[in-house]
Amino acid sequence: MLFTLDPWIEAKLSVLREKVLRHDHLSEEESQELDSLIEYGSSYLKWAKEVS
């Protein structure tokens, strides 16, 4: 079974990834947003593993 990310999440992760690769500092808001996306992704993967 193939799972895809929501396009909004993919776009947000792409922006944050580029900042990290450029060694730019994330703002507090961006850091919290990244933590939330990681938490969401972990929950999503656990769910995907259970239903597959």
Protein backbone atom coordinates (compact mmCIF):
# COMPACT_ATOMS: atom_id res chain seq x y z
CA MET A 1 0.00 0.00 0.00
CA LEU A 2 1.38 3.41 -0.99
CA PHE A 3 0.95 6.38 1.33
CA THR A 4 1.56 9.97 0.32
CA LEU A 5 1.90 13.14 2.31
CA ASP A 6 -0.52 15.99 2.07
CA PRO A 7 0.87 18.50 -0.49
CA TRP A 8 0.86 21.26 2.16
CA ILE A 9 2.99 19.14 4.48
CA GLU A 10 5.38 18.26 1.66
CA ALA A 11 5.78 21.94 0.79
CA LYS A 12 6.35 22.95 4.41
CA LEU A 13 8.93 20.19 4.94
CA SER A 14 10.70 21.23 1.75
CA VAL A 15 11.04 24.83 2.94
CA LEU A 16 12.31 23.78 6.36
CA ARG A 17 14.70 21.24 4.81
CA GLU A 18 16.23 23.89 2.57
CA LYS A 19 16.78 26.21 5.54
CA VAL A 20 18.48 23.43 7.49
CA LEU A 21 20.68 22.48 4.52
CA ARG A 22 21.79 26.12 4.20
CA HIS A 23 22.57 26.07 7.95
CA ASP A 24 20.09 28.88 8.54
CA HIS A 25 18.71 29.11 12.04
CA LEU A 26 15.07 28.15 12.40
CA SER A 27 12.87 30.61 14.23
CA GLU A 28 11.11 29.39 17.36
CA GLU A 29 7.88 29.12 15.35
CA GLU A 30 9.59 27.11 12.60
CA SER A 31 11.21 24.84 15.16
CA GLN A 32 7.85 24.14 16.81
CA GLU A 33 6.28 23.59 13.40
CA LEU A 34 9.00 21.09 12.49
CA ASP A 35 8.49 19.26 15.79
CA SER A 36 4.75 19.07 15.09
CA LEU A 37 5.33 17.76 11.56
CA ILE A 38 7.75 15.12 12.88
CA GLU A 39 5.23 14.06 15.51
CA TYR A 40 2.47 13.92 12.87
CA GLY A 41 4.71 11.91 10.56
CA SER A 42 5.56 9.43 13.30
CA SER A 43 1.89 8.92 14.13
CA TYR A 44 1.07 8.57 10.44
CA LEU A 45 3.75 5.94 9.93
CA LYS A 46 2.57 3.94 12.95
CA TRP A 47 -0.98 4.04 11.59
CA ALA A 48 0.19 3.04 8.09
CA LYS A 49 2.12 0.10 9.51
CA GLU A 50 -0.94 -1.08 11.44
CA VAL A 51 -3.29 -0.96 8.43
CA SER A 52 -0.90 -2.58 5.97
